[in-house]
Amino acid sequence: MGVVYEAEQLSLRRKVALKILPFAAAIDRRRLQRFKNEALAAANLRHENIVAVYGVGCEMGDWNEIDEGEMFTDRDVRGSNKVCVIGLTLAKELFEGESPLGKDLRVKNVTLRVVGVLGRKGANMMGMDQDDILIAPWTTLKYRVSGNNTGGSSQGSTSNSSSSDRNSLSELYPGSKALYPARDSTQSTNHPQHTRFTNVDQIMVKAASTDEIPHAIAQITTLLHERHHIREGQDDDFNIRNMSEMLKAFGAMSQMMGGLLLIVAMISLAVGGVGIMNIMLVSVTERTREIGLRMAVGARSYHVMRQFLIEAIILCLFGGFMGIILGRSASLLVWYLLRWPIEASIPAIIASFVVSASVGIAFGFYPAWKASRLDPIDALRYE
């Protein structure tokens, strides 16, 4: 009984399916039905997240740590071998706890054998899971998966169809036929022909240090000008993106968002403080006779002020405590639904209690001062 794990549409939707090979004639029907049920159950699984697929050489740069198995070699890159290395998230979702080494993973009807599992990297600065990734030799993705093979049958058919339109004077033997027959699609997929000039979509380069980034960019620009034969004054046919500039842009954006959130928080604190002040003023008005009675039996003004300030602080601390509970519950809900990593910040919790106490002191001072300034005789006569 053979099991094939299939990943459809390369970087769009992912579907796990079990395929039962048709050579199990001697197996009883009960076992066969059980495997069919498992296949149908697995085929109904859908994963909406995007899988990052990269074609690289044998030296991967940022993906150096291998958790299980080994990295494909330079021989695999030169031969366009159908091998791949996957991340921990992809291994967990496709193989469900089993070891993926030596098993097949199908990408766009091309079967790739898993030879290694990458180490855990976590999320990047954009929040994307870096473990949800598949890495294969770039020649395999280019010539087998993408079908971008200049030696394939598509070009052969194009050249044959356009041969009748050529000028016969440019041919050594006009009217002659091709010496070898045109390659079909199966031969082109199984035995891709590499060309000398291969277009590359992007090249990821890592500098030795942050200070060396401008020097590395200058060297790369000079080298590409020489290789592309770009003269001085001509426009470049390539783009170089510096991740440090993106980090600066994200830093400026985060500062702006932090400032806006701070303004919103200040407005919220002001509105909440005004509400606490109104509640305390109503409390002072309703307890006027109680205040007068306390002053009549010997309480001083600072005793009354301290009492109402403590009440305002306790009220604000209770509101801050409820806010912390709701925030922590929301973060746990996000972790349960989206599996984003979360961590409780103790300094933030302490700061929230300090801010709550400060709001209670600031907005509860006037009601407490007003209560402490009441005349005991007038307070006792208050109806």
Protein backbone atom coordinates (compact mmCIF):
# COMPACT_ATOMS: atom_id res chain seq x y z
CA MET A 1 0.00 0.00 0.00
CA GLY A 2 1.69 3.21 -1.10
CA VAL A 3 1.15 6.61 0.40
CA VAL A 4 1.83 9.84 -1.51
CA TYR A 5 1.50 13.27 0.10
CA GLU A 6 0.35 15.85 -2.40
CA ALA A 7 0.69 19.64 -2.25
CA GLU A 8 -1.32 21.33 -4.99
CA GLN A 9 -0.87 24.69 -6.72
CA LEU A 10 2.67 25.32 -5.42
CA SER A 11 2.02 28.55 -3.48
CA LEU A 12 -1.75 28.90 -3.44
CA ARG A 13 -3.88 26.25 -1.75
CA ARG A 14 -2.48 23.22 -0.03
CA LYS A 15 -4.30 19.90 0.09
CA VAL A 16 -3.15 16.74 1.78
CA ALA A 17 -4.33 13.60 0.00
CA LEU A 18 -3.61 9.89 0.26
CA LYS A 19 -3.46 7.95 -2.96
CA ILE A 20 -4.02 4.20 -2.87
CA LEU A 21 -2.00 2.47 -5.55
CA PRO A 22 -3.97 -0.07 -7.62
CA PHE A 23 -1.69 -3.09 -7.06
CA ALA A 24 -3.31 -4.27 -3.82
CA ALA A 25 -5.41 -7.05 -5.32
CA ALA A 26 -4.62 -9.53 -2.57
CA ILE A 27 -5.66 -7.26 0.29
CA ASP A 28 -9.07 -7.91 1.77
CA ARG A 29 -11.89 -5.45 1.11
CA ARG A 30 -12.17 -4.35 4.73
CA ARG A 31 -8.59 -3.06 4.79
CA LEU A 32 -9.00 -1.45 1.41
CA GLN A 33 -12.18 0.32 2.53
CA ARG A 34 -10.40 1.62 5.64
CA PHE A 35 -7.63 3.12 3.53
CA LYS A 36 -10.21 4.66 1.19
CA ASN A 37 -11.99 6.29 4.14
CA GLU A 38 -8.70 7.71 5.37
CA ALA A 39 -7.97 9.02 1.87
CA LEU A 40 -11.36 10.74 1.62
CA ALA A 41 -10.98 12.24 5.09
CA ALA A 42 -7.51 13.57 4.28
CA ALA A 43 -8.59 14.93 0.89
CA ASN A 44 -11.19 17.12 2.57
CA LEU A 45 -8.53 19.02 4.50
CA ARG A 46 -7.90 22.55 3.25
CA HIS A 47 -5.18 24.97 4.37
CA GLU A 48 -5.69 28.56 3.27
CA ASN A 49 -2.26 29.88 4.27
CA ILE A 50 0.41 30.50 1.64
CA VAL A 51 3.46 28.25 1.31
CA ALA A 52 6.73 29.96 0.42
CA VAL A 53 8.64 27.99 -2.22
CA TYR A 54 12.27 28.91 -2.96
CA GLY A 55 14.74 27.55 -5.47
CA VAL A 56 18.29 27.89 -4.15
CA GLY A 57 21.76 26.43 -4.51
CA CYS A 58 23.39 24.02 -2.10
CA GLU A 59 24.51 26.96 0.09
CA MET A 60 21.30 28.47 1.45
CA GLY A 61 22.56 31.44 3.46
CA ASP A 62 19.80 32.11 6.01
CA TRP A 63 18.67 28.45 6.08
CA ASN A 64 21.80 26.77 7.39
CA GLU A 65 20.34 24.84 10.32
CA ILE A 66 18.99 21.38 9.47
CA ASP A 67 16.86 19.82 12.20
CA GLU A 68 16.57 16.41 10.56
CA GLY A 69 18.18 14.78 7.53
CA GLU A 70 20.64 16.69 5.34
CA MET A 71 20.79 19.44 2.75
CA PHE A 72 20.79 18.61 -0.96
CA THR A 73 24.19 18.79 -2.62
CA ASP A 74 25.64 20.70 -5.55
CA ARG A 75 25.25 17.53 -7.62
CA ASP A 76 21.49 17.70 -7.06
CA VAL A 77 21.51 21.31 -8.28
CA ARG A 78 23.51 20.51 -11.42
CA GLY A 79 21.37 17.46 -12.21
CA SER A 80 17.98 19.06 -11.40
CA ASN A 81 17.26 16.19 -9.04
CA LYS A 82 13.76 16.01 -7.61
CA VAL A 83 14.62 16.57 -3.95
CA CYS A 84 13.54 19.22 -1.44
CA VAL A 85 13.93 20.45 2.14
CA ILE A 86 10.84 21.59 4.07
CA GLY A 87 10.16 23.64 7.20
CA LEU A 88 8.80 22.41 10.50
CA THR A 89 5.31 23.85 9.95
CA LEU A 90 4.98 22.19 6.55
CA ALA A 91 6.29 18.89 7.93
CA LYS A 92 3.83 19.00 10.83
CA GLU A 93 0.78 19.81 8.69
CA LEU A 94 1.51 17.42 5.83
CA PHE A 95 2.94 14.42 7.67
CA GLU A 96 1.20 14.80 11.08
CA GLY A 97 4.06 13.88 13.40
CA GLU A 98 5.69 11.26 11.16
CA SER A 99 9.23 11.63 9.88
CA PRO A 100 9.07 13.14 6.36
CA LEU A 101 12.53 11.90 5.33
CA GLY A 102 12.44 9.76 2.19
CA LYS A 103 8.76 10.46 1.54
CA ASP A 104 7.33 12.09 -1.56
CA LEU A 105 5.74 15.52 -1.79
CA ARG A 106 4.02 16.44 -5.04
CA VAL A 107 4.23 20.04 -6.31
CA LYS A 108 2.43 20.81 -9.57
CA ASN A 109 2.39 17.11 -10.49
CA VAL A 110 6.16 16.90 -9.93
CA THR A 111 7.13 14.48 -7.16
CA LEU A 112 9.90 15.73 -4.86
CA ARG A 113 11.58 13.53 -2.28
CA VAL A 114 12.08 15.10 1.16
CA VAL A 115 15.73 14.84 2.22
CA GLY A 116 15.77 17.21 5.18
CA VAL A 117 13.78 19.33 7.62
CA LEU A 118 14.89 22.88 8.43
CA GLY A 119 15.38 24.16 11.95
CA ARG A 120 12.84 26.43 13.58
CA LYS A 121 13.06 30.11 12.61
CA GLY A 122 9.70 31.50 13.81
CA ALA A 123 7.98 34.56 12.37
CA ASN A 124 9.73 37.37 10.53
CA MET A 125 9.22 41.11 11.01
CA MET A 126 6.11 40.95 8.81
CA GLY A 127 4.56 38.27 11.02
CA MET A 128 4.83 35.52 8.38
CA ASP A 129 5.77 32.01 9.44
CA GLN A 130 9.29 31.27 8.16
CA ASP A 131 8.85 27.56 8.94
CA ASP A 132 6.04 27.24 6.37
CA ILE A 133 8.50 26.86 3.51
CA LEU A 134 9.73 24.46 0.86
CA ILE A 135 13.26 24.71 -0.57
CA ALA A 136 14.38 22.83 -3.66
CA PRO A 137 17.28 23.16 -6.14
CA TRP A 138 16.66 26.18 -8.30
CA THR A 139 17.25 24.12 -11.43
CA THR A 140 14.51 21.70 -10.37
CA LEU A 141 11.96 24.46 -9.85
CA LYS A 142 12.93 26.24 -13.05
CA TYR A 143 13.14 23.34 -15.47
CA ARG A 144 10.84 20.72 -13.90
CA VAL A 145 8.18 22.51 -11.82
CA SER A 146 7.82 25.81 -13.68
CA GLY A 147 8.42 24.21 -17.07
CA ASN A 148 10.73 27.07 -18.12
CA ASN A 149 13.08 24.97 -20.26
CA THR A 150 14.57 26.52 -23.36
CA GLY A 151 15.46 23.12 -24.67
CA GLY A 152 11.90 21.81 -24.51
CA SER A 153 9.40 20.90 -27.10
CA SER A 154 7.71 24.28 -27.08
CA GLN A 155 10.71 25.94 -28.63
CA GLY A 156 11.21 23.03 -30.96
CA SER A 157 7.68 23.36 -32.27
CA THR A 158 8.10 27.10 -32.59
CA SER A 159 11.27 26.73 -34.57
CA ASN A 160 9.67 24.09 -36.83
CA SER A 161 6.59 26.20 -37.43
CA SER A 162 8.62 29.29 -38.22
CA SER A 163 11.15 27.49 -40.43
CA SER A 164 8.95 27.92 -43.48
CA ASP A 165 8.95 31.68 -43.01
CA ARG A 166 12.73 32.00 -42.95
CA ASN A 167 14.79 33.17 -45.86
CA SER A 168 16.35 30.14 -47.57
CA LEU A 169 19.50 32.16 -48.33
CA SER A 170 20.45 32.09 -44.65
CA GLU A 171 20.38 28.27 -44.53
CA LEU A 172 23.31 26.11 -45.45
CA TYR A 173 21.09 23.42 -46.93
CA PRO A 174 17.69 24.89 -47.89
CA GLY A 175 14.78 22.54 -47.47
CA SER A 176 16.68 20.11 -45.27
CA LYS A 177 14.96 18.43 -42.32
CA ALA A 178 16.11 18.28 -38.72
CA LEU A 179 18.64 15.54 -37.99
CA TYR A 180 16.95 14.50 -34.72
CA PRO A 181 13.21 14.38 -33.97
CA ALA A 182 11.69 17.05 -31.72
CA ARG A 183 11.56 16.26 -27.99
CA ASP A 184 8.15 15.70 -26.49
CA SER A 185 6.96 17.16 -23.16
CA THR A 186 7.79 13.99 -21.18
CA GLN A 187 11.39 13.94 -22.37
CA SER A 188 11.76 17.65 -21.66
CA THR A 189 10.51 17.20 -18.09
CA ASN A 190 12.59 14.12 -17.29
CA HIS A 191 15.77 15.31 -19.00
CA PRO A 192 15.88 19.13 -18.99
CA GLN A 193 18.55 20.79 -21.11
CA HIS A 194 20.28 23.66 -19.35
CA THR A 195 21.21 26.68 -21.38
CA ARG A 196 24.20 28.88 -20.86
CA PHE A 197 22.17 32.04 -20.39
CA THR A 198 19.67 31.49 -17.57
CA ASN A 199 17.46 34.26 -16.29
CA VAL A 200 17.20 34.56 -12.50
CA ASP A 201 14.30 36.33 -10.82
CA GLN A 202 16.14 37.44 -7.68
CA ILE A 203 19.39 36.91 -5.82
CA MET A 204 19.52 37.19 -2.03
CA VAL A 205 22.83 38.49 -0.69
CA LYS A 206 23.85 38.80 2.95
CA ALA A 207 26.58 41.24 3.98
CA ALA A 208 29.19 40.39 6.59
CA SER A 209 27.95 43.19 8.87
CA THR A 210 25.60 46.15 8.86
CA ASP A 211 28.45 48.58 8.19
CA GLU A 212 29.45 46.63 5.07
CA ILE A 213 26.03 46.94 3.40
CA PRO A 214 26.77 50.14 1.37
CA HIS A 215 30.11 48.70 0.21
CA ALA A 216 28.42 45.41 -0.78
CA ILE A 217 25.74 47.30 -2.73
CA ALA A 218 28.41 49.25 -4.60
CA GLN A 219 30.28 46.05 -5.50
CA ILE A 220 27.10 44.32 -6.67
CA THR A 221 26.13 47.33 -8.79
CA THR A 222 29.58 47.46 -10.44
CA LEU A 223 29.55 43.74 -11.15
CA LEU A 224 26.06 43.80 -12.69
CA HIS A 225 27.03 46.78 -14.86
CA GLU A 226 29.97 44.79 -16.18
CA ARG A 227 27.99 41.58 -16.74
CA HIS A 228 25.00 43.36 -18.34
CA HIS A 229 27.19 45.68 -20.40
CA ILE A 230 25.50 48.80 -19.06
CA ARG A 231 27.41 51.95 -19.95
CA GLU A 232 27.62 55.07 -17.85
CA GLY A 233 24.45 57.13 -18.15
CA GLN A 234 22.23 54.21 -19.17
CA ASP A 235 19.35 53.02 -17.01
CA ASP A 236 19.83 49.90 -14.92
CA ASP A 237 17.91 46.77 -15.87
CA PHE A 238 17.93 45.53 -12.27
CA ASN A 239 16.82 46.70 -8.84
CA ILE A 240 18.74 46.42 -5.58
CA ARG A 241 16.68 46.50 -2.38
CA ASN A 242 18.31 47.15 0.95
CA MET A 243 16.57 45.52 3.90
CA SER A 244 17.97 48.18 6.26
CA GLU A 245 15.97 50.82 4.37
CA MET A 246 12.86 48.70 4.82
CA LEU A 247 13.67 48.41 8.52
CA LYS A 248 13.96 52.19 8.76
CA ALA A 249 10.63 52.60 6.98
CA PHE A 250 8.99 50.10 9.33
CA GLY A 251 10.59 51.88 12.30
CA ALA A 252 9.20 55.24 11.20
CA MET A 253 5.79 53.67 10.61
CA SER A 254 5.83 52.01 14.02
CA GLN A 255 6.77 55.30 15.67
CA MET A 256 3.90 57.05 13.92
CA MET A 257 1.48 54.31 14.92
CA GLY A 258 2.81 54.45 18.48
CA GLY A 259 2.21 58.20 18.58
CA LEU A 260 -1.34 57.80 17.29
CA LEU A 261 -2.05 55.06 19.81
CA LEU A 262 -0.63 57.25 22.57
CA ILE A 263 -2.97 60.09 21.58
CA VAL A 264 -5.94 57.71 21.55
CA ALA A 265 -4.91 56.34 24.96
CA MET A 266 -4.60 59.86 26.40
CA ILE A 267 -8.06 60.76 25.11
CA SER A 268 -9.46 57.56 26.60
CA LEU A 269 -7.81 58.27 29.94
CA ALA A 270 -9.17 61.82 29.94
CA VAL A 271 -12.72 60.59 29.20
CA GLY A 272 -12.44 57.89 31.87
CA GLY A 273 -11.02 60.38 34.37
CA VAL A 274 -13.88 62.79 33.80
CA GLY A 275 -16.32 59.95 34.38
CA ILE A 276 -14.59 59.03 37.66
CA MET A 277 -14.66 62.68 38.75
CA ASN A 278 -18.39 62.90 38.10
CA ILE A 279 -19.03 59.68 40.03
CA MET A 280 -16.99 60.93 42.99
CA LEU A 281 -18.79 64.31 42.95
CA VAL A 282 -22.12 62.50 43.05
CA SER A 283 -20.81 60.37 45.91
CA VAL A 284 -19.75 63.48 47.86
CA THR A 285 -23.17 65.04 47.35
CA GLU A 286 -25.01 61.90 48.50
CA ARG A 287 -22.77 61.44 51.56
CA THR A 288 -22.76 65.04 52.76
CA ARG A 289 -24.40 64.22 56.11
CA GLU A 290 -21.93 61.32 56.62
CA ILE A 291 -19.03 63.75 56.05
CA GLY A 292 -20.53 66.25 58.48
CA LEU A 293 -21.00 63.53 61.11
CA ARG A 294 -17.36 62.42 60.79
CA MET A 295 -16.15 65.99 61.18
CA ALA A 296 -18.43 66.53 64.15
CA VAL A 297 -16.91 63.60 66.05
CA GLY A 298 -13.34 64.79 65.46
CA ALA A 299 -12.26 63.92 61.89
CA ARG A 300 -9.92 66.42 60.26
CA SER A 301 -10.09 67.71 56.69
CA TYR A 302 -7.13 65.61 55.53
CA HIS A 303 -8.86 62.49 56.91
CA VAL A 304 -11.86 63.11 54.63
CA MET A 305 -9.61 63.94 51.66
CA ARG A 306 -7.58 60.78 52.17
CA GLN A 307 -10.75 58.68 52.34
CA PHE A 308 -12.11 59.91 49.01
CA LEU A 309 -8.70 59.74 47.30
CA ILE A 310 -8.36 56.10 48.35
CA GLU A 311 -11.84 55.36 47.01
CA ALA A 312 -10.96 56.97 43.63
CA ILE A 313 -7.65 55.07 43.42
CA ILE A 314 -9.33 51.73 44.23
CA LEU A 315 -11.98 52.40 41.59
CA CYS A 316 -9.30 53.13 38.94
CA LEU A 317 -7.20 50.11 39.93
CA PHE A 318 -10.23 47.86 39.59
CA GLY A 319 -10.84 49.22 36.08
CA GLY A 320 -7.18 48.66 35.18
CA PHE A 321 -7.34 45.09 36.52
CA MET A 322 -10.41 44.35 34.41
CA GLY A 323 -8.64 45.82 31.34
CA ILE A 324 -5.62 43.56 31.93
CA ILE A 325 -7.87 40.50 32.24
CA LEU A 326 -9.71 41.35 29.02
CA GLY A 327 -6.45 42.03 27.13
CA ARG A 328 -4.89 38.79 28.29
CA SER A 329 -8.02 36.86 27.33
CA ALA A 330 -7.99 38.43 23.85
CA SER A 331 -4.30 37.53 23.35
CA LEU A 332 -4.97 33.93 24.41
CA LEU A 333 -7.88 33.79 21.98
CA VAL A 334 -5.61 35.01 19.15
CA TRP A 335 -3.03 32.36 20.08
CA TYR A 336 -5.70 29.65 20.12
CA LEU A 337 -7.19 30.62 16.74
CA LEU A 338 -4.14 31.81 14.76
CA ARG A 339 -1.28 30.19 16.72
CA TRP A 340 0.63 33.48 16.89
CA PRO A 341 3.31 33.52 19.59
CA ILE A 342 2.33 35.66 22.58
CA GLU A 343 4.11 36.63 25.79
CA ALA A 344 2.88 38.54 28.83
CA SER A 345 4.84 41.73 29.51
CA ILE A 346 5.31 42.29 33.24
CA PRO A 347 6.57 45.91 32.83
CA ALA A 348 3.45 46.73 30.79
CA ILE A 349 1.21 45.30 33.53
CA ILE A 350 3.03 47.30 36.21
CA ALA A 351 2.84 50.45 34.08
CA SER A 352 -0.91 49.99 33.63
CA PHE A 353 -1.42 49.83 37.41
CA VAL A 354 0.73 52.93 37.89
CA VAL A 355 -1.22 54.84 35.22
CA SER A 356 -4.54 53.75 36.75
CA ALA A 357 -3.47 54.96 40.19
CA SER A 358 -2.26 58.26 38.69
CA VAL A 359 -5.60 58.81 36.96
CA GLY A 360 -7.39 58.13 40.24
CA ILE A 361 -5.24 60.68 42.07
CA ALA A 362 -5.49 63.33 39.34
CA PHE A 363 -9.24 63.17 38.76
CA GLY A 364 -10.23 62.22 42.31
CA PHE A 365 -8.41 65.12 43.95
CA TYR A 366 -11.07 67.78 43.30
CA PRO A 367 -14.01 65.73 44.71
CA ALA A 368 -11.87 64.81 47.76
CA TRP A 369 -10.85 68.44 48.26
CA LYS A 370 -14.48 69.56 47.95
CA ALA A 371 -15.54 67.00 50.56
CA SER A 372 -12.80 68.10 52.96
CA ARG A 373 -13.88 71.78 52.70
CA LEU A 374 -17.46 71.14 53.84
CA ASP A 375 -18.65 72.87 57.01
CA PRO A 376 -19.77 70.28 59.61
CA ILE A 377 -22.86 72.27 60.67
CA ASP A 378 -24.08 72.85 57.09
CA ALA A 379 -23.29 69.24 56.22
CA LEU A 380 -25.41 67.93 59.13
CA ARG A 381 -28.33 70.16 58.07
CA TYR A 382 -28.13 68.97 54.42
CA GLU A 383 -31.29 67.15 53.25
